Amino acid sequence: MKTCVNKKHLPLLADDPQNHFSIKGWRSVTILPAIDKEKTKERVVNLLSQYRTFVRLADEEFEPKVTTTYSLSPRSITNQVSKPVEDAVVLKVTAEQELIKINKAINKLNAYDRQRIFDKYISRNEISDKVLIMNYSESESGFYKRLNIALLKFAEAYEGGRLIAFFKIQFS
């Protein structure tokens, strides 16, 4: 490993010619491999499009059903106890935890990005893209460009970047 002789030289990170950014006075530095923006956006859209479902699941009350045998747990054909109430509680808790993680990530965004994501995926009223484009007084391409940027920022903010997809590094 190279040692730092000059305060403006960073060891080894700067020696990789791929994916560099530069700051005036510093050698270019590689921090992350290239991000696959399309796959990342797809992951974010898949998660955010389930937001309203998570809200409904988290608020739903689950009550056990009494069967004809007066058992709170209905039995299956194999005479094993099924666990619908336990499964429902697990589903509810999972939905609540996912809502907390999504809300935490959204709160890390700036107001403009937060508003775009809220209007498109979070709002109780589902609004069509055409109406959103008119509400923002933007061109269609401008609206989607800014929405895509907000989605990528959300991917970075969600659980420390868990939704980010990177290109696979191929060695020759």
Protein backbone atom coordinates (compact mmCIF):
# COMPACT_ATOMS: atom_id res chain seq x y z
CA MET A 1 0.00 0.00 0.00
CA LYS A 2 1.25 3.44 -0.86
CA THR A 3 1.75 5.86 1.94
CA CYS A 4 0.59 9.45 1.99
CA VAL A 5 3.57 11.63 1.23
CA ASN A 6 1.53 14.68 0.40
CA LYS A 7 -1.65 15.63 2.26
CA LYS A 8 -3.38 15.98 -1.09
CA HIS A 9 -2.71 12.35 -2.12
CA LEU A 10 -5.03 9.58 -1.01
CA PRO A 11 -3.65 6.02 -0.87
CA LEU A 12 -4.66 3.43 -3.50
CA LEU A 13 -8.26 4.55 -3.88
CA ALA A 14 -7.09 7.06 -6.45
CA ASP A 15 -5.16 4.45 -8.43
CA ASP A 16 -8.23 2.81 -10.02
CA PRO A 17 -9.01 4.51 -13.36
CA GLN A 18 -12.73 3.59 -13.33
CA ASN A 19 -15.55 5.65 -11.79
CA HIS A 20 -13.59 8.66 -10.58
CA PHE A 21 -14.72 12.03 -9.38
CA SER A 22 -12.34 14.82 -8.69
CA ILE A 23 -12.12 17.68 -6.27
CA LYS A 24 -9.82 20.56 -7.08
CA GLY A 25 -6.45 19.88 -5.51
CA TRP A 26 -7.13 16.16 -4.90
CA ARG A 27 -6.44 13.21 -7.12
CA SER A 28 -9.61 11.53 -8.38
CA VAL A 29 -11.04 8.99 -5.96
CA THR A 30 -13.16 5.88 -6.43
CA ILE A 31 -15.67 5.43 -3.65
CA LEU A 32 -18.44 3.29 -5.17
CA PRO A 33 -18.70 1.08 -8.20
CA ALA A 34 -20.99 2.31 -10.97
CA ILE A 35 -24.66 2.39 -10.01
CA ASP A 36 -27.18 0.64 -12.24
CA LYS A 37 -29.73 3.47 -12.22
CA GLU A 38 -32.49 1.55 -14.02
CA LYS A 39 -32.36 -1.45 -11.69
CA THR A 40 -32.13 0.83 -8.65
CA LYS A 41 -35.15 2.81 -9.82
CA GLU A 42 -37.05 -0.44 -10.40
CA ARG A 43 -36.33 -1.59 -6.83
CA VAL A 44 -37.50 1.75 -5.40
CA VAL A 45 -40.68 1.79 -7.49
CA ASN A 46 -41.47 -1.80 -6.43
CA LEU A 47 -41.12 -0.84 -2.78
CA LEU A 48 -42.93 2.51 -2.92
CA SER A 49 -45.82 1.14 -4.98
CA GLN A 50 -46.57 -1.15 -2.02
CA TYR A 51 -46.76 1.75 0.45
CA ARG A 52 -50.55 2.05 0.38
CA THR A 53 -50.84 -1.73 0.89
CA PHE A 54 -48.51 -1.52 3.91
CA VAL A 55 -50.71 1.24 5.35
CA ARG A 56 -53.84 -0.89 4.97
CA LEU A 57 -52.15 -3.95 6.48
CA ALA A 58 -50.71 -2.03 9.41
CA ASP A 59 -54.07 -0.51 10.34
CA GLU A 60 -56.15 -3.66 9.90
CA GLU A 61 -57.36 -5.38 13.04
CA PHE A 62 -57.09 -9.17 13.09
CA GLU A 63 -59.44 -11.15 15.27
CA PRO A 64 -59.37 -14.91 15.82
CA LYS A 65 -62.34 -16.85 14.48
CA VAL A 66 -64.16 -19.35 16.62
CA THR A 67 -64.69 -22.65 14.77
CA THR A 68 -67.42 -25.22 15.32
CA THR A 69 -65.11 -27.08 17.69
CA TYR A 70 -64.89 -23.90 19.79
CA SER A 71 -61.18 -23.71 19.14
CA LEU A 72 -59.57 -20.37 18.45
CA SER A 73 -57.20 -22.05 16.01
CA PRO A 74 -58.87 -23.85 13.09
CA ARG A 75 -57.38 -27.21 12.19
CA SER A 76 -56.36 -28.23 8.71
CA ILE A 77 -57.06 -31.50 6.89
CA THR A 78 -53.87 -32.97 8.36
CA ASN A 79 -55.20 -32.16 11.86
CA GLN A 80 -52.34 -29.75 12.48
CA VAL A 81 -53.10 -26.40 13.99
CA SER A 82 -52.95 -23.59 11.44
CA LYS A 83 -51.81 -20.20 12.63
CA PRO A 84 -53.85 -17.57 10.79
CA VAL A 85 -53.86 -15.14 13.70
CA GLU A 86 -50.12 -15.44 14.22
CA ASP A 87 -49.51 -15.04 10.49
CA ALA A 88 -51.75 -11.98 10.44
CA VAL A 89 -49.90 -10.40 13.37
CA VAL A 90 -46.54 -11.08 11.70
CA LEU A 91 -47.85 -9.51 8.49
CA LYS A 92 -49.09 -6.46 10.40
CA VAL A 93 -45.82 -5.99 12.27
CA THR A 94 -43.80 -6.43 9.07
CA ALA A 95 -45.95 -3.81 7.33
CA GLU A 96 -45.50 -1.41 10.26
CA GLN A 97 -41.72 -1.87 10.24
CA GLU A 98 -41.56 -1.30 6.48
CA LEU A 99 -43.60 1.91 6.84
CA ILE A 100 -41.19 3.17 9.48
CA LYS A 101 -38.18 2.47 7.22
CA ILE A 102 -39.81 4.15 4.22
CA ASN A 103 -40.86 7.21 6.23
CA LYS A 104 -37.37 7.50 7.72
CA ALA A 105 -35.80 7.47 4.24
CA ILE A 106 -38.31 10.00 2.89
CA ASN A 107 -37.57 12.35 5.78
CA LYS A 108 -33.88 12.37 4.77
CA LEU A 109 -34.76 13.91 1.39
CA ASN A 110 -35.11 17.60 0.61
CA ALA A 111 -38.59 19.10 0.46
CA TYR A 112 -38.87 19.00 -3.34
CA ASP A 113 -37.90 15.32 -3.67
CA ARG A 114 -40.06 14.41 -0.68
CA GLN A 115 -43.08 16.15 -2.22
CA ARG A 116 -42.66 14.37 -5.58
CA ILE A 117 -42.43 10.94 -3.96
CA PHE A 118 -45.32 11.74 -1.64
CA ASP A 119 -47.58 12.87 -4.49
CA LYS A 120 -46.74 9.87 -6.67
CA TYR A 121 -46.60 6.98 -4.17
CA ILE A 122 -47.61 7.99 -0.63
CA SER A 123 -50.65 10.25 -0.92
CA ARG A 124 -53.94 8.66 0.07
CA ASN A 125 -55.45 9.83 -3.20
CA GLU A 126 -53.85 8.15 -6.18
CA ILE A 127 -53.19 10.90 -8.69
CA SER A 128 -52.47 10.15 -12.34
CA ASP A 129 -49.14 11.19 -13.82
CA LYS A 130 -50.87 13.59 -16.22
CA VAL A 131 -52.47 15.48 -13.31
CA LEU A 132 -49.16 15.53 -11.42
CA ILE A 133 -47.36 16.93 -14.47
CA MET A 134 -49.99 19.68 -14.73
CA ASN A 135 -49.79 20.38 -10.98
CA TYR A 136 -46.01 20.81 -11.20
CA SER A 137 -46.33 22.91 -14.38
CA GLU A 138 -43.54 20.99 -16.04
CA SER A 139 -42.97 19.18 -19.27
CA GLU A 140 -43.50 15.44 -19.13
CA SER A 141 -39.78 14.73 -19.64
CA GLY A 142 -38.82 17.28 -16.98
CA PHE A 143 -41.25 15.76 -14.48
CA TYR A 144 -39.91 12.23 -15.00
CA LYS A 145 -36.30 13.41 -14.92
CA ARG A 146 -36.81 15.07 -11.53
CA LEU A 147 -38.85 12.11 -10.23
CA ASN A 148 -36.07 9.70 -11.24
CA ILE A 149 -33.52 11.83 -9.39
CA ALA A 150 -35.76 11.77 -6.30
CA LEU A 151 -36.11 7.98 -6.57
CA LEU A 152 -32.33 7.54 -6.73
CA LYS A 153 -31.91 9.79 -3.68
CA PHE A 154 -34.53 7.69 -1.88
CA ALA A 155 -32.56 4.53 -2.74
CA GLU A 156 -29.49 6.08 -1.12
CA ALA A 157 -31.45 7.08 1.99
CA TYR A 158 -33.34 3.79 2.48
CA GLU A 159 -31.48 1.65 5.03
CA GLY A 160 -28.09 3.05 4.12
CA GLY A 161 -28.44 2.37 0.40
CA ARG A 162 -29.88 -1.15 0.52
CA LEU A 163 -31.91 -0.55 -2.66
CA ILE A 164 -28.95 0.59 -4.75
CA ALA A 165 -28.01 -1.83 -7.53
CA PHE A 166 -24.43 -1.80 -8.74
CA PHE A 167 -23.10 -2.99 -12.07
CA LYS A 168 -21.21 -6.25 -11.74
CA ILE A 169 -17.49 -5.88 -12.11
CA GLN A 170 -16.12 -8.06 -14.87
CA PHE A 171 -12.49 -9.07 -14.77
CA SER A 172 -10.79 -9.96 -18.02
